[in-house]
Protein backbone atom coordinates (compact mmCIF):
# COMPACT_ATOMS: atom_id res chain seq x y z
CA MET A 1 -9.53 -6.78 21.95
CA GLY A 2 -7.66 -6.35 19.51
CA HIS A 3 -7.79 -4.96 15.22
CA THR A 4 -7.51 -7.59 12.45
CA ALA A 5 -5.73 -6.22 9.52
CA LEU A 6 -5.47 -7.97 5.80
CA VAL A 7 -1.89 -6.90 3.53
CA ILE A 8 -2.41 -7.13 -0.48
CA GLY A 9 0.83 -7.30 -2.13
CA ALA A 10 2.47 -8.64 1.24
CA THR A 11 5.51 -9.52 -0.22
CA GLY A 12 6.61 -6.16 -1.46
CA VAL A 13 9.88 -4.35 0.28
CA VAL A 14 7.37 -1.87 2.08
CA GLY A 15 5.20 -5.07 2.21
CA ARG A 16 6.88 -7.19 3.72
CA GLU A 17 8.04 -4.16 6.67
CA LEU A 18 3.61 -4.72 7.21
CA VAL A 19 3.08 -7.94 8.04
CA GLU A 20 6.34 -7.80 9.66
CA ILE A 21 4.77 -4.84 12.08
CA LEU A 22 2.06 -5.80 12.18
CA SER A 23 2.68 -9.37 14.17
CA LEU A 24 4.28 -7.95 16.13
CA SER A 25 1.73 -4.74 16.96
CA ALA A 26 -0.20 -5.78 20.84
CA ASP A 27 -2.58 -3.84 18.50
CA ILE A 28 -2.96 -6.35 16.32
CA LYS A 29 -4.47 -9.56 16.61
CA LYS A 30 -5.17 -11.25 13.22
CA VAL A 31 -2.55 -11.00 9.97
CA THR A 32 -4.07 -12.12 6.79
CA THR A 33 -2.11 -12.03 3.71
CA VAL A 34 -3.64 -12.18 -0.35
CA THR A 35 -0.94 -13.85 -2.07
CA ARG A 36 -0.61 -15.09 -5.87
CA ARG A 37 2.37 -18.19 -4.01
CA PRO A 38 1.83 -19.50 -1.10
CA ILE A 39 4.35 -17.94 2.36
CA GLU A 40 5.31 -19.34 4.78
CA TYR A 41 5.70 -17.38 8.23
CA ARG A 42 6.32 -17.54 11.82
CA SER A 43 3.57 -15.85 13.71
CA ASP A 44 0.77 -17.18 14.36
CA LYS A 45 -1.32 -13.96 14.35
CA ILE A 46 -0.49 -14.50 10.08
CA ILE A 47 -2.55 -15.86 8.44
CA ASN A 48 -1.77 -16.12 4.04
CA TYR A 49 -4.59 -16.85 1.58
CA VAL A 50 -3.60 -17.76 -2.27
CA VAL A 51 -5.25 -15.93 -4.12
CA GLU A 52 -5.45 -15.53 -8.45
CA PHE A 53 -5.60 -12.36 -8.87
CA ASP A 54 -7.93 -12.52 -12.30
CA ARG A 55 -10.95 -14.37 -10.86
CA LEU A 56 -10.10 -12.42 -6.89
CA GLU A 57 -13.84 -12.86 -6.76
CA GLN A 58 -14.57 -15.47 -5.92
CA TYR A 59 -12.26 -14.91 -2.55
CA SER A 60 -15.20 -12.37 -1.08
CA SER A 61 -15.25 -14.13 2.11
CA VAL A 62 -11.54 -13.44 3.09
CA PHE A 63 -11.79 -10.16 2.16
CA LYS A 64 -12.93 -8.99 5.93
CA ALA A 65 -10.81 -6.80 8.99
CA ASP A 66 -10.89 -3.70 10.32
CA ILE A 67 -8.76 -1.81 8.18
CA ILE A 68 -6.72 -3.25 4.61
CA PHE A 69 -3.87 -1.95 3.85
CA SER A 70 -2.71 -2.06 -0.38
CA CYS A 71 0.66 -2.49 -0.58
CA LEU A 72 0.03 -3.74 -4.27
CA GLY A 73 2.36 -2.35 -7.23
CA THR A 74 4.04 -4.13 -9.86
CA THR A 75 6.82 -2.40 -13.56
CA LEU A 76 7.15 -2.24 -16.46
CA LYS A 77 9.52 -4.90 -17.20
CA GLN A 78 7.59 -7.23 -14.38
CA ALA A 79 4.93 -6.63 -16.26
CA GLY A 80 5.51 -7.10 -19.70
CA SER A 81 3.75 -4.41 -21.45
CA ILE A 82 1.91 -1.18 -20.07
CA GLU A 83 -1.43 -3.22 -20.00
CA ARG A 84 0.38 -5.68 -18.18
CA GLN A 85 1.10 -3.39 -15.94
CA ARG A 86 -2.40 -1.22 -15.81
CA GLN A 87 -3.95 -4.49 -14.75
CA VAL A 88 -1.75 -5.34 -11.37
CA ASP A 89 -0.51 -1.33 -10.30
CA VAL A 90 -4.89 -0.76 -10.97
CA ASP A 91 -7.44 -3.36 -11.90
CA TYR A 92 -6.07 -6.08 -9.19
CA GLN A 93 -5.97 -3.52 -6.95
CA TYR A 94 -9.66 -1.95 -7.03
CA ARG A 95 -11.27 -5.11 -7.42
CA ALA A 96 -9.91 -5.72 -4.32
CA ALA A 97 -10.63 -2.31 -2.46
CA LYS A 98 -14.64 -2.61 -3.31
CA LEU A 99 -14.52 -6.79 -2.26
CA ALA A 100 -12.39 -5.08 0.92
CA GLN A 101 -15.65 -2.48 1.10
CA SER A 102 -18.77 -4.20 -0.07
CA ASN A 103 -17.57 -6.81 3.20
CA GLY A 104 -17.56 -3.88 5.45
CA ILE A 105 -13.91 -3.32 6.22
CA ASN A 106 -13.45 1.12 7.72
CA HIS A 107 -10.22 1.78 6.70
CA TYR A 108 -8.76 1.70 3.17
CA LEU A 109 -5.01 2.63 3.61
CA LEU A 110 -3.11 2.90 -0.33
CA VAL A 111 0.28 2.52 -1.25
CA SER A 112 0.93 5.48 -4.65
CA SER A 113 3.33 6.89 -5.78
CA SER A 114 4.55 10.69 -5.51
CA GLY A 115 3.23 13.29 -8.60
CA ALA A 116 -0.31 10.39 -8.67
CA ASN A 117 -1.93 12.00 -11.08
CA PRO A 118 -4.97 11.10 -13.15
CA ASN A 119 -3.37 13.22 -16.42
CA SER A 120 0.29 12.81 -16.22
CA SER A 121 1.37 12.22 -18.87
CA SER A 122 4.08 9.03 -17.35
CA ALA A 123 1.56 6.55 -17.90
CA TYR A 124 3.30 4.56 -14.21
CA LEU A 125 2.04 8.51 -12.84
CA ARG A 126 -0.88 8.29 -14.47
CA MET A 127 -2.21 4.76 -12.81
CA LYS A 128 -1.53 5.59 -9.67
CA GLY A 129 -3.77 8.99 -10.08
CA GLU A 130 -6.73 7.06 -11.32
CA LEU A 131 -6.24 4.72 -8.56
CA GLU A 132 -6.33 7.28 -6.29
CA ALA A 133 -9.66 8.82 -8.41
CA LYS A 134 -11.55 5.19 -8.11
CA VAL A 135 -11.11 4.53 -4.37
CA ALA A 136 -12.10 7.82 -2.43
CA GLU A 137 -14.71 7.05 -4.41
CA LEU A 138 -15.78 4.67 -3.16
CA GLY A 139 -17.69 4.39 0.25
CA PHE A 140 -14.78 3.35 3.25
CA LYS A 141 -15.02 5.68 6.42
CA ARG A 142 -11.73 6.01 6.44
CA ILE A 143 -9.80 6.85 3.60
CA SER A 144 -5.13 7.36 3.64
CA ILE A 145 -3.36 7.25 1.21
CA ILE A 146 0.41 7.33 0.98
CA GLN A 147 2.61 9.06 -1.87
CA PRO A 148 6.62 8.33 -0.83
CA SER A 149 8.79 9.11 -3.54
CA LEU A 150 11.52 6.14 -4.60
CA LEU A 151 11.42 3.53 -1.86
CA LEU A 152 14.48 1.56 -1.23
CA GLY A 153 14.72 -2.22 0.45
CA ASN A 154 15.86 -5.38 -0.65
CA ARG A 155 14.08 -6.24 -3.54
CA GLN A 156 13.40 -10.06 -5.42
CA ASP A 157 14.24 -8.39 -8.65
CA PHE A 158 16.67 -5.74 -9.93
CA ARG A 159 16.53 -2.51 -10.33
CA LEU A 160 18.95 -0.64 -11.96
CA GLY A 161 17.31 3.28 -11.70
CA GLU A 162 16.34 2.53 -8.58
CA LYS A 163 20.58 1.73 -7.05
CA LEU A 164 21.78 4.54 -9.06
CA GLY A 165 18.48 6.69 -7.66
CA ALA A 166 19.20 5.02 -4.13
CA SER A 167 22.63 6.10 -4.17
CA LEU A 168 22.50 10.01 -6.07
CA LEU A 169 18.73 11.32 -4.43
CA PRO A 170 20.35 11.25 -1.53
CA LEU A 171 23.24 13.48 -2.15
CA ILE A 172 21.15 15.52 -4.76
CA CYS A 173 18.38 16.16 -1.46
CA ARG A 174 20.70 17.63 0.66
CA LEU A 175 19.16 20.44 -1.26
CA PRO A 176 16.27 22.02 0.47
CA VAL A 177 14.77 22.82 -2.94
CA LEU A 178 14.50 19.13 -3.83
CA SER A 179 14.29 16.97 0.29
CA LYS A 180 10.42 17.01 0.06
CA TYR A 181 11.76 14.29 -2.99
CA ARG A 182 14.53 11.78 -1.37
CA PRO A 183 13.84 7.72 -0.80
CA ILE A 184 12.59 6.13 1.84
CA THR A 185 13.00 2.49 2.73
CA GLY A 186 10.23 0.51 2.65
CA LYS A 187 10.27 -0.22 6.11
CA GLN A 188 10.01 3.79 7.17
CA VAL A 189 6.90 3.51 4.88
CA ALA A 190 4.85 0.30 6.65
CA VAL A 191 5.92 2.08 10.13
CA LYS A 192 4.34 5.11 9.30
CA MET A 193 0.76 3.49 8.09
CA CYS A 194 0.59 0.93 11.72
CA GLN A 195 0.67 4.41 12.86
CA ILE A 196 -1.51 5.83 10.51
CA ALA A 197 -4.47 2.70 11.58
CA LEU A 198 -4.17 2.51 14.81
CA GLN A 199 -4.59 6.17 15.53
CA GLN A 200 -7.03 6.13 13.70
CA VAL A 201 -9.39 3.19 13.42
CA VAL A 202 -10.94 4.41 17.62
CA SER A 203 -11.92 7.46 15.26
CA VAL A 204 -13.22 6.42 12.30
CA ASP A 205 -17.02 7.48 13.01
CA ASN A 206 -15.74 10.50 14.03
CA ASN A 207 -17.32 12.97 11.45
CA ASP A 208 -15.18 14.66 12.44
CA GLU A 209 -11.89 14.25 10.72
CA PRO A 210 -11.56 14.36 7.31
CA LYS A 211 -12.64 11.04 5.03
CA LEU A 212 -9.80 11.20 2.33
CA GLN A 213 -6.25 12.00 3.17
CA TYR A 214 -3.31 12.27 1.85
CA TYR A 215 0.10 11.02 3.27
CA ARG A 216 2.69 12.54 2.05
CA LEU A 217 6.62 13.10 1.62
CA ASP A 218 7.36 15.27 4.47
CA LYS A 219 4.35 13.65 6.27
CA LEU A 220 6.01 9.64 6.55
CA PHE A 221 9.61 12.14 8.08
CA ASP A 222 7.71 13.01 10.83
């Protein structure tokens, strides 16, 4: 029959790759993308909905699928302030998760970050940790939290720090003790997320499987 998937953050480094992979999968019959601006796709399997994230609850009917992939995120530079970044990285994603859960979506997959911790001294890692904790309390049958390190891929905005990291980290992380911090491409993360979703969708009602699972960097490279 095929499964239905919903992607928020579909224009980011992971989201773009994920939508493409899902559209080519024989196991997925429909992909819904939720974006701020209209996106045209070549595949007839993909349906794009343009929403106002500040009024997300008005689009509740859009949040219907078997699986939701949450890849939304921004940077402090793009957002302009910590408050605005938090609105995107925590508030929007949590509201989307609640809509998905209330509409009966079984499996929620979140792109978070290595080092996410609600008690972190880093505002970014603290936001990621807070979101993880909030969605873990929702009533999904299955929650998969993906924690990559530095994400490599083509971005719409130039990030000097990430360009430098992309050049230096692969060399530094050849040391065994630092290998768990090595960069990973958006495509690698997207491929793993799709694998996780399709492997687990058949066992979502299996009570022996843990509801909440974390996929840290080493697992993403498996």
